[in-house]
C-alpha atoms as a PDB file:
ATOM      1  CA  MET A   1      -9.639  31.671 -29.858  1.00  0.00           C
ATOM      2  CA  GLU A   2      -7.203  29.039 -31.080  1.00  0.00           C
ATOM      3  CA  THR A   3      -8.380  25.586 -32.021  1.00  0.00           C
ATOM      4  CA  THR A   4      -6.614  22.259 -31.644  1.00  0.00           C
ATOM      5  CA  GLN A   5      -5.621  22.509 -35.325  1.00  0.00           C
ATOM      6  CA  THR A   6      -3.235  25.355 -34.418  1.00  0.00           C
ATOM      7  CA  TYR A   7      -1.229  23.079 -32.140  1.00  0.00           C
ATOM      8  CA  ARG A   8      -1.632  19.822 -34.053  1.00  0.00           C
ATOM      9  CA  GLY A   9       2.141  19.511 -34.531  1.00  0.00           C
ATOM     10  CA  TYR A  10       2.787  19.841 -30.791  1.00  0.00           C
ATOM     11  CA  PHE A  11       0.180  17.189 -30.004  1.00  0.00           C
ATOM     12  CA  VAL A  12       1.689  14.787 -32.549  1.00  0.00           C
ATOM     13  CA  ILE A  13       5.195  15.316 -31.116  1.00  0.00           C
ATOM     14  CA  LEU A  14       4.005  14.870 -27.514  1.00  0.00           C
ATOM     15  CA  THR A  15       2.095  11.701 -28.423  1.00  0.00           C
ATOM     16  CA  PHE A  16       5.196  10.266 -30.106  1.00  0.00           C
ATOM     17  CA  ILE A  17       7.341  11.171 -27.053  1.00  0.00           C
ATOM     18  CA  LEU A  18       4.751   9.584 -24.743  1.00  0.00           C
ATOM     19  CA  ILE A  19       4.837   6.290 -26.656  1.00  0.00           C
ATOM     20  CA  LEU A  20       8.646   6.312 -26.717  1.00  0.00           C
ATOM     21  CA  VAL A  21       8.956   7.090 -22.987  1.00  0.00           C
ATOM     22  CA  PHE A  22       6.289   4.470 -22.194  1.00  0.00           C
ATOM     23  CA  LEU A  23       8.296   1.751 -23.972  1.00  0.00           C
ATOM     24  CA  LEU A  24      11.542   3.005 -22.412  1.00  0.00           C
ATOM     25  CA  ASN A  25       9.985   2.862 -18.946  1.00  0.00           C
ATOM     26  CA  ILE A  26       9.024  -0.780 -19.461  1.00  0.00           C
ATOM     27  CA  SER A  27      12.431  -1.613 -20.953  1.00  0.00           C
ATOM     28  CA  LEU A  28      14.663  -0.187 -18.217  1.00  0.00           C
ATOM     29  CA  GLY A  29      14.988  -1.418 -14.660  1.00  0.00           C
ATOM     30  CA  SER A  30      16.953  -3.869 -12.559  1.00  0.00           C
ATOM     31  CA  VAL A  31      16.517  -6.279 -15.489  1.00  0.00           C
ATOM     32  CA  SER A  32      17.094  -4.543 -18.817  1.00  0.00           C
ATOM     33  CA  ILE A  33      14.771  -5.743 -21.596  1.00  0.00           C
ATOM     34  CA  PRO A  34      15.465  -4.719 -25.224  1.00  0.00           C
ATOM     35  CA  ILE A  35      12.872  -2.427 -26.787  1.00  0.00           C
ATOM     36  CA  ASN A  36      12.107  -4.932 -29.546  1.00  0.00           C
ATOM     37  CA  GLU A  37      11.393  -7.580 -26.892  1.00  0.00           C
ATOM     38  CA  VAL A  38       9.089  -5.136 -25.087  1.00  0.00           C
ATOM     39  CA  ILE A  39       7.165  -4.506 -28.331  1.00  0.00           C
ATOM     40  CA  ALA A  40       6.959  -8.262 -28.968  1.00  0.00           C
ATOM     41  CA  GLY A  41       5.775  -8.833 -25.409  1.00  0.00           C
ATOM     42  CA  LEU A  42       3.055  -6.196 -25.727  1.00  0.00           C
ATOM     43  CA  PHE A  43       1.887  -6.569 -29.324  1.00  0.00           C
ATOM     44  CA  GLY A  44       3.447  -9.743 -30.700  1.00  0.00           C
ATOM     45  CA  ASN A  45       3.639 -13.359 -29.668  1.00  0.00           C
ATOM     46  CA  GLY A  46       5.462 -12.579 -26.458  1.00  0.00           C
ATOM     47  CA  ALA A  47       9.067 -11.926 -25.462  1.00  0.00           C
ATOM     48  CA  SER A  48      11.655 -14.563 -26.248  1.00  0.00           C
ATOM     49  CA  LYS A  49      12.182 -15.284 -22.538  1.00  0.00           C
ATOM     50  CA  GLU A  50       9.336 -16.246 -20.212  1.00  0.00           C
ATOM     51  CA  THR A  51      10.855 -14.236 -17.370  1.00  0.00           C
ATOM     52  CA  TRP A  52      10.893 -11.125 -19.556  1.00  0.00           C
ATOM     53  CA  GLN A  53       7.249 -11.673 -20.525  1.00  0.00           C
ATOM     54  CA  PHE A  54       6.274 -12.080 -16.865  1.00  0.00           C
ATOM     55  CA  ILE A  55       8.142  -8.920 -15.843  1.00  0.00           C
ATOM     56  CA  ILE A  56       6.556  -6.928 -18.683  1.00  0.00           C
ATOM     57  CA  VAL A  57       2.937  -8.036 -18.174  1.00  0.00           C
ATOM     58  CA  GLU A  58       2.741  -8.531 -14.430  1.00  0.00           C
ATOM     59  CA  TYR A  59       4.945  -5.754 -13.095  1.00  0.00           C
ATOM     60  CA  ARG A  60       6.191  -3.084 -15.489  1.00  0.00           C
ATOM     61  CA  LEU A  61       3.082  -2.637 -17.640  1.00  0.00           C
ATOM     62  CA  PRO A  62       0.764  -1.971 -14.647  1.00  0.00           C
ATOM     63  CA  LYS A  63       3.404   0.367 -13.212  1.00  0.00           C
ATOM     64  CA  ALA A  64       3.706   2.280 -16.479  1.00  0.00           C
ATOM     65  CA  PHE A  65      -0.085   2.612 -16.729  1.00  0.00           C
ATOM     66  CA  THR A  66      -0.177   3.836 -13.117  1.00  0.00           C
ATOM     67  CA  ALA A  67       2.453   6.455 -13.988  1.00  0.00           C
ATOM     68  CA  VAL A  68       0.363   7.653 -16.947  1.00  0.00           C
ATOM     69  CA  LEU A  69      -2.821   7.854 -14.859  1.00  0.00           C
ATOM     70  CA  ALA A  70      -1.111   9.554 -11.909  1.00  0.00           C
ATOM     71  CA  GLY A  71       0.787  12.058 -14.061  1.00  0.00           C
ATOM     72  CA  SER A  72      -2.155  13.012 -16.254  1.00  0.00           C
ATOM     73  CA  GLY A  73      -4.639  13.113 -13.365  1.00  0.00           C
ATOM     74  CA  LEU A  74      -2.495  15.281 -11.091  1.00  0.00           C
ATOM     75  CA  ALA A  75      -1.621  17.607 -13.993  1.00  0.00           C
ATOM     76  CA  ALA A  76      -5.310  18.040 -14.802  1.00  0.00           C
ATOM     77  CA  CYS A  77      -6.002  18.804 -11.133  1.00  0.00           C
ATOM     78  CA  GLY A  78      -3.318  21.472 -11.129  1.00  0.00           C
ATOM     79  CA  LEU A  79      -4.703  23.183 -14.219  1.00  0.00           C
ATOM     80  CA  LEU A  80      -8.256  23.197 -12.845  1.00  0.00           C
ATOM     81  CA  MET A  81      -7.175  24.530  -9.452  1.00  0.00           C
ATOM     82  CA  GLN A  82      -4.897  27.245 -10.846  1.00  0.00           C
ATOM     83  CA  THR A  83      -7.634  28.590 -13.106  1.00  0.00           C
ATOM     84  CA  LEU A  84     -10.414  28.332 -10.520  1.00  0.00           C
ATOM     85  CA  PHE A  85      -8.447  30.137  -7.807  1.00  0.00           C
ATOM     86  CA  ARG A  86      -6.468  32.368 -10.200  1.00  0.00           C
ATOM     87  CA  ASN A  87      -3.346  31.310  -8.326  1.00  0.00           C
ATOM     88  CA  PRO A  88      -0.194  29.969 -10.046  1.00  0.00           C
ATOM     89  CA  LEU A  89       0.797  28.137  -6.853  1.00  0.00           C
ATOM     90  CA  ALA A  90      -2.449  26.191  -6.540  1.00  0.00           C
ATOM     91  CA  GLY A  91      -2.135  22.433  -6.939  1.00  0.00           C
ATOM     92  CA  PRO A  92      -4.255  19.310  -6.663  1.00  0.00           C
ATOM     93  CA  PHE A  93      -3.866  19.081  -2.892  1.00  0.00           C
ATOM     94  CA  VAL A  94      -4.708  22.670  -1.875  1.00  0.00           C
ATOM     95  CA  LEU A  95      -8.071  21.450  -0.542  1.00  0.00           C
ATOM     96  CA  GLY A  96      -6.401  19.209   2.033  1.00  0.00           C
ATOM     97  CA  LEU A  97      -7.161  15.927   0.258  1.00  0.00           C
ATOM     98  CA  SER A  98      -3.595  14.650   0.517  1.00  0.00           C
ATOM     99  CA  SER A  99      -3.461  15.471   4.210  1.00  0.00           C
ATOM    100  CA  GLY A 100      -6.811  13.737   4.710  1.00  0.00           C
ATOM    101  CA  ALA A 101      -5.463  10.630   2.997  1.00  0.00           C
ATOM    102  CA  SER A 102      -2.338  10.790   5.159  1.00  0.00           C
ATOM    103  CA  LEU A 103      -4.505  11.074   8.268  1.00  0.00           C
ATOM    104  CA  GLY A 104      -6.525   8.004   7.285  1.00  0.00           C
ATOM    105  CA  VAL A 105      -3.378   5.944   6.721  1.00  0.00           C
ATOM    106  CA  ALA A 106      -1.754   7.218   9.927  1.00  0.00           C
ATOM    107  CA  ILE A 107      -4.820   6.293  11.982  1.00  0.00           C
ATOM    108  CA  LEU A 108      -4.932   2.851  10.387  1.00  0.00           C
ATOM    109  CA  ILE A 109      -1.247   2.114  11.020  1.00  0.00           C
ATOM    110  CA  LEU A 110      -1.375   3.358  14.602  1.00  0.00           C
ATOM    111  CA  GLY A 111      -4.672   1.583  15.193  1.00  0.00           C
ATOM    112  CA  ALA A 112      -3.261  -1.604  13.696  1.00  0.00           C
ATOM    113  CA  GLY A 113      -0.492  -1.617  16.278  1.00  0.00           C
ATOM    114  CA  PHE A 114      -2.956  -0.974  19.111  1.00  0.00           C
ATOM    115  CA  LEU A 115      -5.422  -3.653  17.987  1.00  0.00           C
ATOM    116  CA  GLY A 116      -2.590  -6.058  17.249  1.00  0.00           C
ATOM    117  CA  SER A 117      -1.468  -5.842  20.863  1.00  0.00           C
ATOM    118  CA  ILE A 118      -5.002  -6.812  21.953  1.00  0.00           C
ATOM    119  CA  PHE A 119      -6.232  -9.296  19.332  1.00  0.00           C
ATOM    120  CA  GLY A 120      -2.945 -10.632  17.997  1.00  0.00           C
ATOM    121  CA  PRO A 121      -0.656 -10.042  14.993  1.00  0.00           C
ATOM    122  CA  GLU A 122      -3.207 -11.483  12.530  1.00  0.00           C
ATOM    123  CA  ILE A 123      -5.481  -8.461  12.990  1.00  0.00           C
ATOM    124  CA  SER A 124      -2.521  -6.104  12.705  1.00  0.00           C
ATOM    125  CA  GLY A 125      -1.415  -7.737   9.450  1.00  0.00           C
ATOM    126  CA  LEU A 126      -4.948  -7.599   8.058  1.00  0.00           C
ATOM    127  CA  LEU A 127      -5.255  -3.881   8.757  1.00  0.00           C
ATOM    128  CA  THR A 128      -1.924  -2.975   7.199  1.00  0.00           C
ATOM    129  CA  ASN A 129      -2.153  -4.846   3.895  1.00  0.00           C
ATOM    130  CA  LYS A 130      -2.237  -2.897   0.623  1.00  0.00           C
ATOM    131  CA  TRP A 131      -6.004  -2.807   0.172  1.00  0.00           C
ATOM    132  CA  SER A 132      -6.554  -1.673   3.772  1.00  0.00           C
ATOM    133  CA  LEU A 133      -4.166   1.236   3.231  1.00  0.00           C
ATOM    134  CA  VAL A 134      -5.928   2.122  -0.034  1.00  0.00           C
ATOM    135  CA  PHE A 135      -9.297   2.068   1.712  1.00  0.00           C
ATOM    136  CA  ALA A 136      -8.062   4.170   4.646  1.00  0.00           C
ATOM    137  CA  SER A 137      -6.492   6.719   2.290  1.00  0.00           C
ATOM    138  CA  ALA A 138      -9.677   6.965   0.233  1.00  0.00           C
ATOM    139  CA  ILE A 139     -11.840   7.382   3.342  1.00  0.00           C
ATOM    140  CA  GLY A 140      -9.571  10.135   4.681  1.00  0.00           C
ATOM    141  CA  SER A 141      -9.692  12.029   1.379  1.00  0.00           C
ATOM    142  CA  PHE A 142     -13.458  11.530   1.118  1.00  0.00           C
ATOM    143  CA  LEU A 143     -14.156  12.915   4.594  1.00  0.00           C
ATOM    144  CA  VAL A 144     -12.112  16.040   3.864  1.00  0.00           C
ATOM    145  CA  LEU A 145     -13.935  16.325   0.534  1.00  0.00           C
ATOM    146  CA  LEU A 146     -17.332  16.220   2.268  1.00  0.00           C
ATOM    147  CA  ALA A 147     -16.239  18.979   4.635  1.00  0.00           C
ATOM    148  CA  VAL A 148     -14.961  21.153   1.769  1.00  0.00           C
ATOM    149  CA  LEU A 149     -18.133  20.580  -0.283  1.00  0.00           C
ATOM    150  CA  ALA A 150     -20.331  21.483   2.706  1.00  0.00           C
ATOM    151  CA  ILE A 151     -18.431  24.753   3.007  1.00  0.00           C
ATOM    152  CA  THR A 152     -18.590  25.337  -0.751  1.00  0.00           C
ATOM    153  CA  LEU A 153     -22.390  25.224  -0.612  1.00  0.00           C
ATOM    154  CA  ARG A 154     -22.395  28.026   1.971  1.00  0.00           C
ATOM    155  CA  ILE A 155     -19.527  30.235   0.756  1.00  0.00           C
ATOM    156  CA  LYS A 156     -19.425  31.930  -2.637  1.00  0.00           C
ATOM    157  CA  ASP A 157     -15.894  33.351  -2.485  1.00  0.00           C
ATOM    158  CA  THR A 158     -13.426  30.944  -4.143  1.00  0.00           C
ATOM    159  CA  MET A 159     -10.462  32.480  -2.292  1.00  0.00           C
ATOM    160  CA  ALA A 160     -12.163  31.736   1.022  1.00  0.00           C
ATOM    161  CA  ILE A 161     -12.599  28.120  -0.097  1.00  0.00           C
ATOM    162  CA  LEU A 162      -8.887  27.998  -0.944  1.00  0.00           C
ATOM    163  CA  ILE A 163      -7.893  29.314   2.495  1.00  0.00           C
ATOM    164  CA  ILE A 164     -10.260  26.913   4.266  1.00  0.00           C
ATOM    165  CA  GLY A 165      -8.867  24.022   2.229  1.00  0.00           C
ATOM    166  CA  LEU A 166      -5.342  24.971   3.287  1.00  0.00           C
ATOM    167  CA  MET A 167      -6.517  25.120   6.923  1.00  0.00           C
ATOM    168  CA  PHE A 168      -7.994  21.618   6.594  1.00  0.00           C
ATOM    169  CA  GLY A 169      -4.630  20.478   5.297  1.00  0.00           C
ATOM    170  CA  SER A 170      -2.805  22.086   8.225  1.00  0.00           C
ATOM    171  CA  LEU A 171      -5.263  20.609  10.729  1.00  0.00           C
ATOM    172  CA  THR A 172      -5.005  17.061   9.426  1.00  0.00           C
ATOM    173  CA  ALA A 173      -1.217  17.365   9.098  1.00  0.00           C
ATOM    174  CA  ALA A 174      -1.069  18.408  12.766  1.00  0.00           C
ATOM    175  CA  VAL A 175      -3.066  15.338  13.820  1.00  0.00           C
ATOM    176  CA  VAL A 176      -0.750  13.126  11.739  1.00  0.00           C
ATOM    177  CA  SER A 177       2.245  14.684  13.510  1.00  0.00           C
ATOM    178  CA  VAL A 178       0.729  13.908  16.920  1.00  0.00           C
ATOM    179  CA  LEU A 179      -0.017  10.312  15.906  1.00  0.00           C
ATOM    180  CA  SER A 180       3.503   9.922  14.520  1.00  0.00           C
ATOM    181  CA  TYR A 181       4.962  11.183  17.793  1.00  0.00           C
ATOM    182  CA  PHE A 182       3.231   8.393  19.740  1.00  0.00           C
ATOM    183  CA  SER A 183       4.014   5.670  17.177  1.00  0.00           C
ATOM    184  CA  ASN A 184       6.815   3.168  17.549  1.00  0.00           C
ATOM    185  CA  ALA A 185       9.708   2.918  15.103  1.00  0.00           C
ATOM    186  CA  GLU A 186       8.152   0.142  13.005  1.00  0.00           C
ATOM    187  CA  GLN A 187       4.820   1.963  12.588  1.00  0.00           C
ATOM    188  CA  LEU A 188       6.561   5.228  11.803  1.00  0.00           C
ATOM    189  CA  GLN A 189       8.756   3.547   9.191  1.00  0.00           C
ATOM    190  CA  GLN A 190       5.720   1.979   7.490  1.00  0.00           C
ATOM    191  CA  TYR A 191       3.947   5.341   7.363  1.00  0.00           C
ATOM    192  CA  ILE A 192       7.043   7.115   6.012  1.00  0.00           C
ATOM    193  CA  PHE A 193       7.433   4.510   3.265  1.00  0.00           C
ATOM    194  CA  TRP A 194       3.806   5.091   2.251  1.00  0.00           C
ATOM    195  CA  SER A 195       4.354   8.868   2.210  1.00  0.00           C
ATOM    196  CA  PHE A 196       7.245   8.428  -0.258  1.00  0.00           C
ATOM    197  CA  GLY A 197       4.730   7.371  -2.921  1.00  0.00           C
ATOM    198  CA  SER A 198       4.980   4.285  -5.100  1.00  0.00           C
ATOM    199  CA  LEU A 199       3.812   3.385  -8.596  1.00  0.00           C
ATOM    200  CA  GLY A 200       4.774  -0.282  -8.372  1.00  0.00           C
ATOM    201  CA  ASN A 201       3.031  -3.374  -7.015  1.00  0.00           C
ATOM    202  CA  GLN A 202      -0.283  -2.430  -8.614  1.00  0.00           C
ATOM    203  CA  SER A 203      -2.663  -5.279  -9.407  1.00  0.00           C
ATOM    204  CA  TRP A 204      -4.772  -5.195 -12.549  1.00  0.00           C
ATOM    205  CA  ASP A 205      -7.908  -5.019 -10.349  1.00  0.00           C
ATOM    206  CA  GLY A 206      -6.553  -1.963  -8.564  1.00  0.00           C
ATOM    207  CA  LEU A 207      -5.529  -0.435 -11.883  1.00  0.00           C
ATOM    208  CA  LEU A 208      -9.086  -0.881 -13.175  1.00  0.00           C
ATOM    209  CA  ILE A 209     -10.495   1.034 -10.203  1.00  0.00           C
ATOM    210  CA  LEU A 210      -7.889   3.784 -10.518  1.00  0.00           C
ATOM    211  CA  SER A 211      -8.413   4.171 -14.268  1.00  0.00           C
ATOM    212  CA  SER A 212     -12.202   4.371 -13.800  1.00  0.00           C
ATOM    213  CA  CYS A 213     -11.816   7.169 -11.245  1.00  0.00           C
ATOM    214  CA  CYS A 214      -9.355   9.049 -13.465  1.00  0.00           C
ATOM    215  CA  ILE A 215     -11.621   8.766 -16.524  1.00  0.00           C
ATOM    216  CA  ILE A 216     -14.559  10.172 -14.534  1.00  0.00           C
ATOM    217  CA  GLY A 217     -12.471  13.024 -13.114  1.00  0.00           C
ATOM    218  CA  ILE A 218     -10.945  13.974 -16.479  1.00  0.00           C
ATOM    219  CA  PHE A 219     -14.383  13.810 -18.134  1.00  0.00           C
ATOM    220  CA  LEU A 220     -15.730  16.253 -15.533  1.00  0.00           C
ATOM    221  CA  GLY A 221     -12.689  18.430 -16.232  1.00  0.00           C
ATOM    222  CA  PHE A 222     -13.532  18.567 -19.947  1.00  0.00           C
ATOM    223  CA  LEU A 223     -17.128  19.460 -19.048  1.00  0.00           C
ATOM    224  CA  SER A 224     -15.725  22.447 -17.116  1.00  0.00           C
ATOM    225  CA  CYS A 225     -13.512  23.777 -19.932  1.00  0.00           C
ATOM    226  CA  LYS A 226     -16.044  26.246 -21.308  1.00  0.00           C
ATOM    227  CA  SER A 227     -16.754  27.591 -17.825  1.00  0.00           C
ATOM    228  CA  LEU A 228     -13.029  27.908 -17.097  1.00  0.00           C
ATOM    229  CA  ASN A 229     -12.504  29.891 -20.312  1.00  0.00           C
ATOM    230  CA  THR A 230     -15.261  32.255 -19.204  1.00  0.00           C
ATOM    231  CA  LEU A 231     -13.813  32.573 -15.681  1.00  0.00           C
ATOM    232  CA  LEU A 232     -10.538  33.853 -17.127  1.00  0.00           C
ATOM    233  CA  LEU A 233     -12.372  37.028 -18.115  1.00  0.00           C
ATOM    234  CA  GLY A 234     -13.333  37.700 -14.489  1.00  0.00           C
ATOM    235  CA  GLU A 235     -16.119  36.559 -12.189  1.00  0.00           C
ATOM    236  CA  ASN A 236     -18.314  39.610 -12.825  1.00  0.00           C
ATOM    237  CA  TYR A 237     -18.117  39.106 -16.600  1.00  0.00           C
ATOM    238  CA  ALA A 238     -18.735  35.385 -16.170  1.00  0.00           C
ATOM    239  CA  LYS A 239     -21.865  36.120 -14.138  1.00  0.00           C
ATOM    240  CA  SER A 240     -23.071  38.576 -16.787  1.00  0.00           C
ATOM    241  CA  MET A 241     -22.663  35.765 -19.336  1.00  0.00           C
ATOM    242  CA  GLY A 242     -24.983  33.598 -17.248  1.00  0.00           C
ATOM    243  CA  LEU A 243     -22.322  31.354 -15.689  1.00  0.00           C
ATOM    244  CA  ASN A 244     -23.300  29.795 -12.379  1.00  0.00           C
ATOM    245  CA  ILE A 245     -20.112  30.339 -10.359  1.00  0.00           C
ATOM    246  CA  ARG A 246     -21.135  28.119  -7.459  1.00  0.00           C
ATOM    247  CA  LYS A 247     -22.131  25.213  -9.726  1.00  0.00           C
ATOM    248  CA  THR A 248     -18.876  25.532 -11.676  1.00  0.00           C
ATOM    249  CA  THR A 249     -16.819  25.626  -8.473  1.00  0.00           C
ATOM    250  CA  PHE A 250     -18.665  22.575  -7.149  1.00  0.00           C
ATOM    251  CA  LEU A 251     -18.073  20.606 -10.370  1.00  0.00           C
ATOM    252  CA  ILE A 252     -14.351  21.458 -10.480  1.00  0.00           C
ATOM    253  CA  ILE A 253     -13.853  20.526  -6.829  1.00  0.00           C
ATOM    254  CA  ILE A 254     -15.622  17.196  -7.423  1.00  0.00           C
ATOM    255  CA  ALA A 255     -13.387  16.477 -10.446  1.00  0.00           C
ATOM    256  CA  THR A 256     -10.211  17.419  -8.574  1.00  0.00           C
ATOM    257  CA  SER A 257     -11.197  15.421  -5.513  1.00  0.00           C
ATOM    258  CA  ILE A 258     -11.940  12.257  -7.508  1.00  0.00           C
ATOM    259  CA  LEU A 259      -8.600  12.511  -9.302  1.00  0.00           C
ATOM    260  CA  ALA A 260      -6.385  13.525  -6.383  1.00  0.00           C
ATOM    261  CA  GLY A 261      -8.142  11.258  -3.888  1.00  0.00           C
ATOM    262  CA  SER A 262      -7.957   8.096  -6.025  1.00  0.00           C
ATOM    263  CA  ILE A 263      -4.345   8.715  -7.102  1.00  0.00           C
ATOM    264  CA  THR A 264      -3.258   9.329  -3.509  1.00  0.00           C
ATOM    265  CA  ALA A 265      -5.082   6.202  -2.378  1.00  0.00           C
ATOM    266  CA  PHE A 266      -3.331   3.929  -4.895  1.00  0.00           C
ATOM    267  CA  ALA A 267       0.050   5.643  -5.386  1.00  0.00           C
ATOM    268  CA  GLY A 268       0.516   7.675  -2.221  1.00  0.00           C
ATOM    269  CA  PRO A 269       0.983  11.454  -2.055  1.00  0.00           C
ATOM    270  CA  ILE A 270       2.969  12.581  -5.107  1.00  0.00           C
ATOM    271  CA  ALA A 271       4.149  16.166  -4.945  1.00  0.00           C
ATOM    272  CA  PHE A 272       5.130  18.754  -7.547  1.00  0.00           C
ATOM    273  CA  VAL A 273       3.530  17.246 -10.680  1.00  0.00           C
ATOM    274  CA  GLY A 274       0.164  18.988 -10.354  1.00  0.00           C
ATOM    275  CA  LEU A 275       1.796  22.325  -9.550  1.00  0.00           C
ATOM    276  CA  ALA A 276       4.468  22.304 -12.234  1.00  0.00           C
ATOM    277  CA  VAL A 277       3.042  20.594 -15.313  1.00  0.00           C
ATOM    278  CA  PRO A 278       0.495  23.342 -16.180  1.00  0.00           C
ATOM    279  CA  HIS A 279       3.351  25.873 -16.208  1.00  0.00           C
ATOM    280  CA  ILE A 280       5.472  23.590 -18.387  1.00  0.00           C
ATOM    281  CA  ALA A 281       2.580  23.080 -20.823  1.00  0.00           C
ATOM    282  CA  ARG A 282       1.907  26.822 -21.047  1.00  0.00           C
ATOM    283  CA  GLN A 283       5.463  27.444 -22.206  1.00  0.00           C
ATOM    284  CA  PHE A 284       4.654  25.576 -25.431  1.00  0.00           C
ATOM    285  CA  PHE A 285       0.888  26.036 -25.709  1.00  0.00           C
ATOM    286  CA  THR A 286       0.602  29.815 -25.491  1.00  0.00           C
ATOM    287  CA  THR A 287      -3.161  29.848 -25.230  1.00  0.00           C
ATOM    288  CA  SER A 288      -5.806  30.331 -22.565  1.00  0.00           C
ATOM    289  CA  ASN A 289      -8.229  27.907 -24.235  1.00  0.00           C
ATOM    290  CA  HIS A 290      -8.742  25.032 -21.802  1.00  0.00           C
ATOM    291  CA  PHE A 291      -9.973  22.753 -24.584  1.00  0.00           C
ATOM    292  CA  ILE A 292      -6.322  22.867 -25.731  1.00  0.00           C
ATOM    293  CA  LEU A 293      -4.587  23.224 -22.365  1.00  0.00           C
ATOM    294  CA  LEU A 294      -6.313  20.244 -20.713  1.00  0.00           C
ATOM    295  CA  PRO A 295      -5.211  17.604 -23.252  1.00  0.00           C
ATOM    296  CA  ALA A 296      -1.790  19.290 -23.313  1.00  0.00           C
ATOM    297  CA  VAL A 297      -1.288  18.892 -19.557  1.00  0.00           C
ATOM    298  CA  LEU A 298      -2.569  15.311 -19.733  1.00  0.00           C
ATOM    299  CA  LEU A 299       0.197  14.451 -22.208  1.00  0.00           C
ATOM    300  CA  CYS A 300       2.895  16.467 -20.419  1.00  0.00           C
ATOM    301  CA  GLY A 301       1.956  15.024 -17.030  1.00  0.00           C
ATOM    302  CA  SER A 302       2.097  11.466 -18.351  1.00  0.00           C
ATOM    303  CA  ILE A 303       5.506  12.041 -19.967  1.00  0.00           C
ATOM    304  CA  LEU A 304       6.965  13.698 -16.866  1.00  0.00           C
ATOM    305  CA  MET A 305       5.750  10.951 -14.518  1.00  0.00           C
ATOM    306  CA  LEU A 306       7.087   8.203 -16.794  1.00  0.00           C
ATOM    307  CA  LEU A 307      10.455   9.944 -16.988  1.00  0.00           C
ATOM    308  CA  CYS A 308      10.590  10.379 -13.210  1.00  0.00           C
ATOM    309  CA  ASP A 309       9.652   6.732 -12.671  1.00  0.00           C
ATOM    310  CA  THR A 310      12.354   5.642 -15.124  1.00  0.00           C
ATOM    311  CA  VAL A 311      14.944   7.646 -13.177  1.00  0.00           C
ATOM    312  CA  ALA A 312      13.588   6.306  -9.856  1.00  0.00           C
ATOM    313  CA  GLN A 313      14.102   2.743 -11.054  1.00  0.00           C
ATOM    314  CA  LEU A 314      17.861   3.396 -11.321  1.00  0.00           C
ATOM    315  CA  PRO A 315      18.270   1.389 -14.547  1.00  0.00           C
ATOM    316  CA  PHE A 316      20.666  -1.580 -14.317  1.00  0.00           C
ATOM    317  CA  SER A 317      20.461  -1.366 -10.507  1.00  0.00           C
ATOM    318  CA  GLU A 318      18.345  -3.217  -7.950  1.00  0.00           C
ATOM    319  CA  PHE A 319      17.593  -0.031  -6.024  1.00  0.00           C
ATOM    320  CA  ILE A 320      14.389   2.000  -6.420  1.00  0.00           C
ATOM    321  CA  LEU A 321      14.265   5.610  -5.237  1.00  0.00           C
ATOM    322  CA  PRO A 322      11.126   7.279  -3.792  1.00  0.00           C
ATOM    323  CA  ILE A 323       9.049   8.687  -6.646  1.00  0.00           C
ATOM    324  CA  ASN A 324       8.183  11.758  -4.534  1.00  0.00           C
ATOM    325  CA  ALA A 325      11.814  12.769  -4.309  1.00  0.00           C
ATOM    326  CA  ILE A 326      12.452  12.245  -8.010  1.00  0.00           C
ATOM    327  CA  THR A 327       9.463  14.318  -9.165  1.00  0.00           C
ATOM    328  CA  SER A 328      10.882  17.293  -7.267  1.00  0.00           C
ATOM    329  CA  LEU A 329      14.554  16.720  -8.127  1.00  0.00           C
ATOM    330  CA  VAL A 330      13.862  16.275 -11.843  1.00  0.00           C
ATOM    331  CA  GLY A 331      11.030  18.716 -12.326  1.00  0.00           C
ATOM    332  CA  ALA A 332      11.723  21.680 -10.056  1.00  0.00           C
ATOM    333  CA  PRO A 333      14.887  22.868 -11.851  1.00  0.00           C
ATOM    334  CA  VAL A 334      13.092  22.570 -15.186  1.00  0.00           C
ATOM    335  CA  VAL A 335      10.212  24.767 -14.025  1.00  0.00           C
ATOM    336  CA  ILE A 336      12.568  27.311 -12.425  1.00  0.00           C
ATOM    337  CA  TRP A 337      14.501  27.543 -15.695  1.00  0.00           C
ATOM    338  CA  LEU A 338      11.359  27.897 -17.787  1.00  0.00           C
ATOM    339  CA  LEU A 339       9.872  30.591 -15.549  1.00  0.00           C
ATOM    340  CA  LEU A 340      13.152  32.530 -15.415  1.00  0.00           C
ATOM    341  CA  ARG A 341      13.336  32.255 -19.201  1.00  0.00           C
ATOM    342  CA  LYS A 342       9.856  33.727 -19.555  1.00  0.00           C
ATOM    343  CA  ARG A 343      10.443  36.082 -16.583  1.00  0.00           C
ATOM    344  CA  LYS A 344       6.824  35.967 -15.540  1.00  0.00           C
ATOM    345  CA  LEU A 345       4.051  33.898 -14.082  1.00  0.00           C
ATOM    346  CA  LEU A 346       0.742  33.735 -15.849  1.00  0.00           C
ATOM    347  CA  PHE A 347      -1.558  35.102 -13.172  1.00  0.00           C
END
């Protein structure tokens, strides 16, 4: 089995691209800041203009870090899910976590309007601030996670878990549709804006919480690499090697849930990245060793999300496009081209 030494050149190139795209993401926007000023603002004595320094430190740097965390975390989720379920179409939200988060936010927004009509606009404003939406999203994801874990403890078949997760997603999506139907235009608009996803307006406190969750989830993913390599040889062989399938499944679902749940809570539901990045990484890292694939998808996911965020900012313009739309518009054609070029999926 290949080691990281085999692909050292690829890792060096990807790391260099990541640094370059990271600086480019901070440089471009409605206010263009020269790269040398960005470097001075980050590592030197500060940018030559105070406004540039403020924009770099207080807005663009947290947004760039959020893009790195969201891209790498969702990509790791996709890799774990695709290997666990042996399904190339599996992604980080196949267990219904995104729909659970959407349900929590939908209930909060609808409830805010109802309570606001009774107790006044102050209560409504309190319930719909950023931290309230983060909390509601996290609670929704967590409740779906508890339901999936309870089923995981009783069912051994991973494909059954996948189907049940998809049913949870359909159920919660149906409830969100009903709530949306009875919402007024203002509530519906607020919910739709949240569903577009956003990497901006992150505080450093929120970024600390998000980064902690992502570190824990990725660490659990690395702990699962050996088990995932064994699972590729088939469940029967894995059992004969002494692998505890249920324990492995439980650990992977916990890792995926922490990553997908926290990212959805802070950045909203971001589609495509978790599904596509593992396929993109496999085009260059032609190995089944997850000790190589996992760091590869972390780098590729970070680069892709930074690129999509840079495009979404519409450089030299005051407009910002929804990140959800850009991830699909930019990434989907790339994946289609790569898969047609290889003429095969991997499972």
